[in-house]
Amino acid sequence: ALADFKQRFLLRNAEEGLQMDLGLMNIARGLQ
């Protein structure tokens, strides 16, 4: 795991494809 964890996770964007902002629509989804 020491050989590639940094490249495969630590230096990657694991938020890719996720909605992480708190706009109105996302707040609405959060309430659901």
Full PDB file with SEQRES, HELIX, SHEET, SSBOND, CRYST1, ORIGX, SCALE, CONECT and MASTER records, all heavy atoms in Angstrom:
SEQRES   1 A   32  ALA LEU ALA ASP PHE LYS GLN ARG PHE LEU LEU ARG ASN          
SEQRES   2 A   32  ALA GLU GLU GLY LEU GLN MET ASP LEU GLY LEU MET ASN          
SEQRES   3 A   32  ILE ALA ARG GLY LEU GLN                                      
HELIX    1 AA1 PHE A    5  PHE A    5  1                                   1    
HELIX    2 AA2 LYS A    6  LEU A   10  3                                   5    
HELIX    3 AA3 LEU A   24  LEU A   31  1                                   8    
CRYST1    1.000    1.000    1.000  90.00  90.00  90.00 P 1           1          
ORIGX1      1.000000  0.000000  0.000000        0.00000                         
ORIGX2      0.000000  1.000000  0.000000        0.00000                         
ORIGX3      0.000000  0.000000  1.000000        0.00000                         
SCALE1      1.000000  0.000000  0.000000        0.00000                         
SCALE2      0.000000  1.000000  0.000000        0.00000                         
SCALE3      0.000000  0.000000  1.000000        0.00000                         
ATOM      1  N   ALA A   1       0.819  -1.205   0.000  1.00  0.00           N  
ATOM      2  CA  ALA A   1       0.000   0.000   0.000  1.00  0.00           C  
ATOM      3  C   ALA A   1       0.855   1.259   0.000  1.00  0.00           C  
ATOM      4  O   ALA A   1       0.444   2.306  -0.527  1.00  0.00           O  
ATOM      5  CB  ALA A   1      -0.937   0.000   1.215  1.00  0.00           C  
ATOM      6  N   LEU A   2       2.056   1.186   0.578  1.00  0.00           N  
ATOM      7  CA  LEU A   2       2.929   2.360   0.614  1.00  0.00           C  
ATOM      8  C   LEU A   2       3.383   2.770  -0.779  1.00  0.00           C  
ATOM      9  O   LEU A   2       3.726   3.927  -1.015  1.00  0.00           O  
ATOM     10  CB  LEU A   2       4.150   2.088   1.491  1.00  0.00           C  
ATOM     11  CG  LEU A   2       3.931   2.048   3.011  1.00  0.00           C  
ATOM     12  CD1 LEU A   2       5.259   1.883   3.727  1.00  0.00           C  
ATOM     13  CD2 LEU A   2       3.232   3.308   3.492  1.00  0.00           C  
ATOM     14  N   ALA A   3       3.393   1.813  -1.698  1.00  0.00           N  
ATOM     15  CA  ALA A   3       3.933   2.086  -3.029  1.00  0.00           C  
ATOM     16  C   ALA A   3       3.017   2.958  -3.875  1.00  0.00           C  
ATOM     17  O   ALA A   3       3.496   3.748  -4.693  1.00  0.00           O  
ATOM     18  CB  ALA A   3       4.226   0.772  -3.752  1.00  0.00           C  
ATOM     19  N   ASP A   4       1.694   2.831  -3.695  1.00  0.00           N  
ATOM     20  CA  ASP A   4       0.808   3.542  -4.632  1.00  0.00           C  
ATOM     21  C   ASP A   4      -0.374   4.253  -3.993  1.00  0.00           C  
ATOM     22  O   ASP A   4      -1.180   4.858  -4.701  1.00  0.00           O  
ATOM     23  CB  ASP A   4       0.298   2.574  -5.704  1.00  0.00           C  
ATOM     24  CG  ASP A   4      -0.519   1.417  -5.135  1.00  0.00           C  
ATOM     25  OD1 ASP A   4      -0.756   1.384  -3.916  1.00  0.00           O  
ATOM     26  OD2 ASP A   4      -0.924   0.538  -5.927  1.00  0.00           O  
ATOM     27  N   PHE A   5      -0.525   4.214  -2.658  1.00  0.00           N  
ATOM     28  CA  PHE A   5      -1.678   4.860  -2.046  1.00  0.00           C  
ATOM     29  C   PHE A   5      -1.664   6.367  -2.269  1.00  0.00           C  
ATOM     30  O   PHE A   5      -2.715   6.976  -2.492  1.00  0.00           O  
ATOM     31  CB  PHE A   5      -1.736   4.568  -0.545  1.00  0.00           C  
ATOM     32  CG  PHE A   5      -2.950   5.145   0.143  1.00  0.00           C  
ATOM     33  CD1 PHE A   5      -4.199   4.586  -0.043  1.00  0.00           C  
ATOM     34  CD2 PHE A   5      -2.827   6.248   0.966  1.00  0.00           C  
ATOM     35  CE1 PHE A   5      -5.319   5.109   0.583  1.00  0.00           C  
ATOM     36  CE2 PHE A   5      -3.946   6.791   1.604  1.00  0.00           C  
ATOM     37  CZ  PHE A   5      -5.195   6.222   1.412  1.00  0.00           C  
ATOM     38  N   LYS A   6      -0.490   6.960  -2.245  1.00  0.00           N  
ATOM     39  CA  LYS A   6      -0.410   8.406  -2.458  1.00  0.00           C  
ATOM     40  C   LYS A   6      -0.903   8.777  -3.856  1.00  0.00           C  
ATOM     41  O   LYS A   6      -1.681   9.723  -4.025  1.00  0.00           O  
ATOM     42  CB  LYS A   6       1.028   8.890  -2.249  1.00  0.00           C  
ATOM     43  CG  LYS A   6       1.177  10.395  -2.418  1.00  0.00           C  
ATOM     44  CD  LYS A   6       2.486  10.901  -1.843  1.00  0.00           C  
ATOM     45  CE  LYS A   6       3.673  10.440  -2.639  1.00  0.00           C  
ATOM     46  NZ  LYS A   6       4.928  11.094  -2.193  1.00  0.00           N  
ATOM     47  N   GLN A   7      -0.478   8.011  -4.853  1.00  0.00           N  
ATOM     48  CA  GLN A   7      -0.886   8.316  -6.230  1.00  0.00           C  
ATOM     49  C   GLN A   7      -2.351   7.962  -6.474  1.00  0.00           C  
ATOM     50  O   GLN A   7      -3.059   8.671  -7.196  1.00  0.00           O  
ATOM     51  CB  GLN A   7       0.005   7.553  -7.223  1.00  0.00           C  
ATOM     52  CG  GLN A   7       1.420   8.067  -7.334  1.00  0.00           C  
ATOM     53  CD  GLN A   7       2.257   7.772  -6.095  1.00  0.00           C  
ATOM     54  OE1 GLN A   7       2.031   6.757  -5.420  1.00  0.00           O  
ATOM     55  NE2 GLN A   7       3.207   8.636  -5.789  1.00  0.00           N  
ATOM     56  N   ARG A   8      -2.826   6.875  -5.879  1.00  0.00           N  
ATOM     57  CA  ARG A   8      -4.176   6.390  -6.177  1.00  0.00           C  
ATOM     58  C   ARG A   8      -5.256   7.098  -5.371  1.00  0.00           C  
ATOM     59  O   ARG A   8      -6.418   7.105  -5.786  1.00  0.00           O  
ATOM     60  CB  ARG A   8      -4.265   4.884  -5.936  1.00  0.00           C  
ATOM     61  CG  ARG A   8      -3.365   4.065  -6.839  1.00  0.00           C  
ATOM     62  CD  ARG A   8      -3.613   2.574  -6.694  1.00  0.00           C  
ATOM     63  NE  ARG A   8      -4.893   2.173  -7.278  1.00  0.00           N  
ATOM     64  CZ  ARG A   8      -5.312   0.917  -7.353  1.00  0.00           C  
ATOM     65  NH1 ARG A   8      -4.545  -0.070  -6.888  1.00  0.00           N  
ATOM     66  NH2 ARG A   8      -6.473   0.626  -7.887  1.00  0.00           N  
ATOM     67  N   PHE A   9      -4.881   7.708  -4.235  1.00  0.00           N  
ATOM     68  CA  PHE A   9      -5.902   8.377  -3.430  1.00  0.00           C  
ATOM     69  C   PHE A   9      -5.492   9.768  -2.959  1.00  0.00           C  
ATOM     70  O   PHE A   9      -6.188  10.752  -3.224  1.00  0.00           O  
ATOM     71  CB  PHE A   9      -6.274   7.535  -2.217  1.00  0.00           C  
ATOM     72  CG  PHE A   9      -7.346   8.176  -1.372  1.00  0.00           C  
ATOM     73  CD1 PHE A   9      -8.676   8.132  -1.771  1.00  0.00           C  
ATOM     74  CD2 PHE A   9      -7.031   8.847  -0.197  1.00  0.00           C  
ATOM     75  CE1 PHE A   9      -9.664   8.751  -1.019  1.00  0.00           C  
ATOM     76  CE2 PHE A   9      -8.004   9.462   0.571  1.00  0.00           C  
ATOM     77  CZ  PHE A   9      -9.334   9.409   0.158  1.00  0.00           C  
ATOM     78  N   LEU A  10      -4.352   9.873  -2.286  1.00  0.00           N  
ATOM     79  CA  LEU A  10      -4.014  11.152  -1.650  1.00  0.00           C  
ATOM     80  C   LEU A  10      -3.875  12.298  -2.640  1.00  0.00           C  
ATOM     81  O   LEU A  10      -4.238  13.440  -2.331  1.00  0.00           O  
ATOM     82  CB  LEU A  10      -2.715  10.993  -0.852  1.00  0.00           C  
ATOM     83  CG  LEU A  10      -2.761  10.025   0.330  1.00  0.00           C  
ATOM     84  CD1 LEU A  10      -1.401   9.953   1.008  1.00  0.00           C  
ATOM     85  CD2 LEU A  10      -3.837  10.431   1.328  1.00  0.00           C  
ATOM     86  N   LEU A  11      -3.360  12.007  -3.815  1.00  0.00           N  
ATOM     87  CA  LEU A  11      -3.173  13.055  -4.827  1.00  0.00           C  
ATOM     88  C   LEU A  11      -4.309  13.117  -5.835  1.00  0.00           C  
ATOM     89  O   LEU A  11      -4.242  13.891  -6.799  1.00  0.00           O  
ATOM     90  CB  LEU A  11      -1.840  12.838  -5.560  1.00  0.00           C  
ATOM     91  CG  LEU A  11      -0.587  12.930  -4.682  1.00  0.00           C  
ATOM     92  CD1 LEU A  11       0.662  12.625  -5.500  1.00  0.00           C  
ATOM     93  CD2 LEU A  11      -0.477  14.310  -4.037  1.00  0.00           C  
ATOM     94  N   ARG A  12      -5.341  12.338  -5.615  1.00  0.00           N  
ATOM     95  CA  ARG A  12      -6.496  12.332  -6.507  1.00  0.00           C  
ATOM     96  C   ARG A  12      -7.619  13.197  -5.950  1.00  0.00           C  
ATOM     97  O   ARG A  12      -7.630  13.551  -4.765  1.00  0.00           O  
ATOM     98  CB  ARG A  12      -7.005  10.895  -6.697  1.00  0.00           C  
ATOM     99  CG  ARG A  12      -6.021   9.958  -7.360  1.00  0.00           C  
ATOM    100  CD  ARG A  12      -5.818  10.305  -8.834  1.00  0.00           C  
ATOM    101  NE  ARG A  12      -7.059  10.287  -9.566  1.00  0.00           N  
ATOM    102  CZ  ARG A  12      -7.633   9.167 -10.056  1.00  0.00           C  
ATOM    103  NH1 ARG A  12      -7.050   7.988  -9.867  1.00  0.00           N  
ATOM    104  NH2 ARG A  12      -8.751   9.227 -10.729  1.00  0.00           N  
ATOM    105  N   ASN A  13      -8.579  13.500  -6.786  1.00  0.00           N  
ATOM    106  CA  ASN A  13      -9.766  14.246  -6.378  1.00  0.00           C  
ATOM    107  C   ASN A  13     -10.891  13.255  -6.115  1.00  0.00           C  
ATOM    108  O   ASN A  13     -11.622  12.861  -7.009  1.00  0.00           O  
ATOM    109  CB  ASN A  13     -10.173  15.237  -7.463  1.00  0.00           C  
ATOM    110  CG  ASN A  13     -11.476  15.970  -7.126  1.00  0.00           C  
ATOM    111  OD1 ASN A  13     -11.911  15.970  -5.968  1.00  0.00           O  
ATOM    112  ND2 ASN A  13     -12.081  16.595  -8.120  1.00  0.00           N  
ATOM    113  N   ALA A  14     -11.026  12.838  -4.860  1.00  0.00           N  
ATOM    114  CA  ALA A  14     -12.069  11.868  -4.508  1.00  0.00           C  
ATOM    115  C   ALA A  14     -13.449  12.504  -4.446  1.00  0.00           C  
ATOM    116  O   ALA A  14     -14.435  11.802  -4.219  1.00  0.00           O  
ATOM    117  CB  ALA A  14     -11.741  11.206  -3.170  1.00  0.00           C  
ATOM    118  N   GLU A  15     -13.521  13.818  -4.643  1.00  0.00           N  
ATOM    119  CA  GLU A  15     -14.821  14.496  -4.719  1.00  0.00           C  
ATOM    120  C   GLU A  15     -15.354  14.523  -6.148  1.00  0.00           C  
ATOM    121  O   GLU A  15     -16.428  15.080  -6.401  1.00  0.00           O  
ATOM    122  CB  GLU A  15     -14.696  15.917  -4.177  1.00  0.00           C  
ATOM    123  CG  GLU A  15     -14.363  15.983  -2.703  1.00  0.00           C  
ATOM    124  CD  GLU A  15     -14.241  17.409  -2.195  1.00  0.00           C  
ATOM    125  OE1 GLU A  15     -14.619  18.336  -2.946  1.00  0.00           O  
ATOM    126  OE2 GLU A  15     -13.770  17.599  -1.065  1.00  0.00           O  
ATOM    127  N   GLU A  16     -14.624  13.916  -7.041  1.00  0.00           N  
ATOM    128  CA  GLU A  16     -15.026  13.880  -8.450  1.00  0.00           C  
ATOM    129  C   GLU A  16     -16.405  13.240  -8.592  1.00  0.00           C  
ATOM    130  O   GLU A  16     -16.643  12.129  -8.125  1.00  0.00           O  
ATOM    131  CB  GLU A  16     -13.993  13.078  -9.240  1.00  0.00           C  
ATOM    132  CG  GLU A  16     -14.220  13.043 -10.737  1.00  0.00           C  
ATOM    133  CD  GLU A  16     -13.143  12.229 -11.438  1.00  0.00           C  
ATOM    134  OE1 GLU A  16     -12.324  11.593 -10.740  1.00  0.00           O  
ATOM    135  OE2 GLU A  16     -13.134  12.235 -12.671  1.00  0.00           O  
ATOM    136  N   GLY A  17     -17.320  13.962  -9.220  1.00  0.00           N  
ATOM    137  CA  GLY A  17     -18.673  13.456  -9.410  1.00  0.00           C  
ATOM    138  C   GLY A  17     -19.600  13.697  -8.239  1.00  0.00           C  
ATOM    139  O   GLY A  17     -20.805  13.428  -8.336  1.00  0.00           O  
ATOM    140  N   LEU A  18     -19.086  14.211  -7.127  1.00  0.00           N  
ATOM    141  CA  LEU A  18     -19.919  14.487  -5.953  1.00  0.00           C  
ATOM    142  C   LEU A  18     -20.378  15.940  -5.952  1.00  0.00           C  
ATOM    143  O   LEU A  18     -19.707  16.817  -6.503  1.00  0.00           O  
ATOM    144  CB  LEU A  18     -19.144  14.203  -4.665  1.00  0.00           C  
ATOM    145  CG  LEU A  18     -18.660  12.772  -4.462  1.00  0.00           C  
ATOM    146  CD1 LEU A  18     -17.831  12.670  -3.189  1.00  0.00           C  
ATOM    147  CD2 LEU A  18     -19.838  11.808  -4.406  1.00  0.00           C  
ATOM    148  N   GLN A  19     -21.510  16.183  -5.344  1.00  0.00           N  
ATOM    149  CA  GLN A  19     -22.030  17.537  -5.157  1.00  0.00           C  
ATOM    150  C   GLN A  19     -21.690  17.981  -3.743  1.00  0.00           C  
ATOM    151  O   GLN A  19     -22.264  17.503  -2.776  1.00  0.00           O  
ATOM    152  CB  GLN A  19     -23.549  17.561  -5.386  1.00  0.00           C  
ATOM    153  CG  GLN A  19     -23.989  17.172  -6.780  1.00  0.00           C  
ATOM    154  CD  GLN A  19     -23.537  18.190  -7.817  1.00  0.00           C  
ATOM    155  OE1 GLN A  19     -23.523  19.398  -7.560  1.00  0.00           O  
ATOM    156  NE2 GLN A  19     -23.161  17.704  -8.989  1.00  0.00           N  
ATOM    157  N   MET A  20     -20.738  18.895  -3.607  1.00  0.00           N  
ATOM    158  CA  MET A  20     -20.250  19.278  -2.291  1.00  0.00           C  
ATOM    159  C   MET A  20     -20.548  20.732  -1.937  1.00  0.00           C  
ATOM    160  O   MET A  20     -20.162  21.187  -0.863  1.00  0.00           O  
ATOM    161  CB  MET A  20     -18.728  19.044  -2.212  1.00  0.00           C  
ATOM    162  CG  MET A  20     -18.303  17.641  -2.621  1.00  0.00           C  
ATOM    163  SD  MET A  20     -19.114  16.328  -1.687  1.00  0.00           S  
ATOM    164  CE  MET A  20     -18.262  16.432  -0.130  1.00  0.00           C  
ATOM    165  N   ASP A  21     -21.218  21.467  -2.801  1.00  0.00           N  
ATOM    166  CA  ASP A  21     -21.541  22.853  -2.474  1.00  0.00           C  
ATOM    167  C   ASP A  21     -22.898  22.922  -1.784  1.00  0.00           C  
ATOM    168  O   ASP A  21     -23.676  21.964  -1.805  1.00  0.00           O  
ATOM    169  CB  ASP A  21     -21.559  23.716  -3.736  1.00  0.00           C  
ATOM    170  CG  ASP A  21     -22.731  23.367  -4.635  1.00  0.00           C  
ATOM    171  OD1 ASP A  21     -22.630  22.335  -5.338  1.00  0.00           O  
ATOM    172  OD2 ASP A  21     -23.744  24.091  -4.617  1.00  0.00           O  
ATOM    173  N   LEU A  22     -23.190  24.053  -1.170  1.00  0.00           N  
ATOM    174  CA  LEU A  22     -24.439  24.223  -0.432  1.00  0.00           C  
ATOM    175  C   LEU A  22     -25.360  25.220  -1.122  1.00  0.00           C  
ATOM    176  O   LEU A  22     -25.842  26.173  -0.518  1.00  0.00           O  
ATOM    177  CB  LEU A  22     -24.143  24.662   1.003  1.00  0.00           C  
ATOM    178  CG  LEU A  22     -23.523  23.571   1.888  1.00  0.00           C  
ATOM    179  CD1 LEU A  22     -23.244  24.109   3.270  1.00  0.00           C  
ATOM    180  CD2 LEU A  22     -24.438  22.366   1.966  1.00  0.00           C  
ATOM    181  N   GLY A  23     -25.579  25.003  -2.429  1.00  0.00           N  
ATOM    182  CA  GLY A  23     -26.574  25.787  -3.133  1.00  0.00           C  
ATOM    183  C   GLY A  23     -27.981  25.385  -2.728  1.00  0.00           C  
ATOM    184  O   GLY A  23     -28.196  24.416  -2.001  1.00  0.00           O  
ATOM    185  N   LEU A  24     -28.969  26.122  -3.219  1.00  0.00           N  
ATOM    186  CA  LEU A  24     -30.349  25.884  -2.800  1.00  0.00           C  
ATOM    187  C   LEU A  24     -30.819  24.472  -3.136  1.00  0.00           C  
ATOM    188  O   LEU A  24     -31.462  23.804  -2.324  1.00  0.00           O  
ATOM    189  CB  LEU A  24     -31.275  26.899  -3.459  1.00  0.00           C  
ATOM    190  CG  LEU A  24     -31.143  28.359  -2.968  1.00  0.00           C  
ATOM    191  CD1 LEU A  24     -32.119  29.240  -3.720  1.00  0.00           C  
ATOM    192  CD2 LEU A  24     -31.384  28.441  -1.476  1.00  0.00           C  
ATOM    193  N   MET A  25     -30.485  24.004  -4.326  1.00  0.00           N  
ATOM    194  CA  MET A  25     -30.945  22.684  -4.719  1.00  0.00           C  
ATOM    195  C   MET A  25     -30.300  21.600  -3.862  1.00  0.00           C  
ATOM    196  O   MET A  25     -30.951  20.618  -3.475  1.00  0.00           O  
ATOM    197  CB  MET A  25     -30.633  22.430  -6.199  1.00  0.00           C  
ATOM    198  CG  MET A  25     -31.234  21.138  -6.734  1.00  0.00           C  
ATOM    199  SD  MET A  25     -33.045  21.122  -6.632  1.00  0.00           S  
ATOM    200  CE  MET A  25     -33.443  22.314  -7.905  1.00  0.00           C  
ATOM    201  N   ASN A  26     -29.030  21.776  -3.552  1.00  0.00           N  
ATOM    202  CA  ASN A  26     -28.365  20.783  -2.719  1.00  0.00           C  
ATOM    203  C   ASN A  26     -28.885  20.801  -1.287  1.00  0.00           C  
ATOM    204  O   ASN A  26     -28.968  19.751  -0.639  1.00  0.00           O  
ATOM    205  CB  ASN A  26     -26.852  21.002  -2.734  1.00  0.00           C  
ATOM    206  CG  ASN A  26     -26.202  20.431  -3.982  1.00  0.00           C  
ATOM    207  OD1 ASN A  26     -26.828  19.648  -4.709  1.00  0.00           O  
ATOM    208  ND2 ASN A  26     -24.973  20.816  -4.252  1.00  0.00           N  
ATOM    209  N   ILE A  27     -29.226  21.990  -0.791  1.00  0.00           N  
ATOM    210  CA  ILE A  27     -29.841  22.056   0.537  1.00  0.00           C  
ATOM    211  C   ILE A  27     -31.160  21.288   0.525  1.00  0.00           C  
ATOM    212  O   ILE A  27     -31.492  20.551   1.460  1.00  0.00           O  
ATOM    213  CB  ILE A  27     -30.082  23.511   0.966  1.00  0.00           C  
ATOM    214  CG1 ILE A  27     -28.752  24.190   1.289  1.00  0.00           C  
ATOM    215  CG2 ILE A  27     -30.996  23.567   2.175  1.00  0.00           C  
ATOM    216  CD1 ILE A  27     -28.079  23.672   2.546  1.00  0.00           C  
ATOM    217  N   ALA A  28     -31.910  21.439  -0.559  1.00  0.00           N  
ATOM    218  CA  ALA A  28     -33.174  20.721  -0.659  1.00  0.00           C  
ATOM    219  C   ALA A  28     -32.951  19.215  -0.658  1.00  0.00           C  
ATOM    220  O   ALA A  28     -33.676  18.461   0.007  1.00  0.00           O  
ATOM    221  CB  ALA A  28     -33.912  21.143  -1.936  1.00  0.00           C  
ATOM    222  N   ARG A  29     -31.937  18.761  -1.394  1.00  0.00           N  
ATOM    223  CA  ARG A  29     -31.626  17.328  -1.398  1.00  0.00           C  
ATOM    224  C   ARG A  29     -31.173  16.877  -0.016  1.00  0.00           C  
ATOM    225  O   ARG A  29     -31.496  15.775   0.426  1.00  0.00           O  
ATOM    226  CB  ARG A  29     -30.544  17.035  -2.438  1.00  0.00           C  
ATOM    227  CG  ARG A  29     -31.010  17.188  -3.880  1.00  0.00           C  
ATOM    228  CD  ARG A  29     -29.864  16.941  -4.842  1.00  0.00           C  
ATOM    229  NE  ARG A  29     -29.394  15.564  -4.769  1.00  0.00           N  
ATOM    230  CZ  ARG A  29     -29.924  14.554  -5.457  1.00  0.00           C  
ATOM    231  NH1 ARG A  29     -30.954  14.767  -6.255  1.00  0.00           N  
ATOM    232  NH2 ARG A  29     -29.433  13.335  -5.348  1.00  0.00           N  
ATOM    233  N   GLY A  30     -30.424  17.731   0.661  1.00  0.00           N  
ATOM    234  CA  GLY A  30     -29.992  17.395   2.001  1.00  0.00           C  
ATOM    235  C   GLY A  30     -31.160  17.219   2.952  1.00  0.00           C  
ATOM    236  O   GLY A  30     -31.159  16.332   3.810  1.00  0.00           O  
ATOM    237  N   LEU A  31     -32.195  18.044   2.796  1.00  0.00           N  
ATOM    238  CA  LEU A  31     -33.375  17.927   3.643  1.00  0.00           C  
ATOM    239  C   LEU A  31     -34.124  16.627   3.385  1.00  0.00           C  
ATOM    240  O   LEU A  31     -34.841  16.123   4.254  1.00  0.00           O  
ATOM    241  CB  LEU A  31     -34.316  19.115   3.403  1.00  0.00           C  
ATOM    242  CG  LEU A  31     -33.817  20.490   3.892  1.00  0.00           C  
ATOM    243  CD1 LEU A  31     -34.793  21.575   3.502  1.00  0.00           C  
ATOM    244  CD2 LEU A  31     -33.599  20.476   5.397  1.00  0.00           C  
ATOM    245  N   GLN A  32     -33.945  16.072   2.196  1.00  0.00           N  
ATOM    246  CA  GLN A  32     -34.594  14.808   1.884  1.00  0.00           C  
ATOM    247  C   GLN A  32     -33.790  13.591   2.341  1.00  0.00           C  
ATOM    248  O   GLN A  32     -34.284  12.476   2.264  1.00  0.00           O  
ATOM    249  CB  GLN A  32     -34.839  14.700   0.380  1.00  0.00           C  
ATOM    250  CG  GLN A  32     -35.962  15.606  -0.123  1.00  0.00           C  
ATOM    251  CD  GLN A  32     -36.279  15.315  -1.570  1.00  0.00           C  
ATOM    252  OE1 GLN A  32     -35.436  15.499  -2.432  1.00  0.00           O  
ATOM    253  NE2 GLN A  32     -37.471  14.825  -1.831  1.00  0.00           N  
TER     254      GLN A  32                                                      
MASTER        0    0    0    3    0    0    0    6  253    1    0    3          
END                                                                             
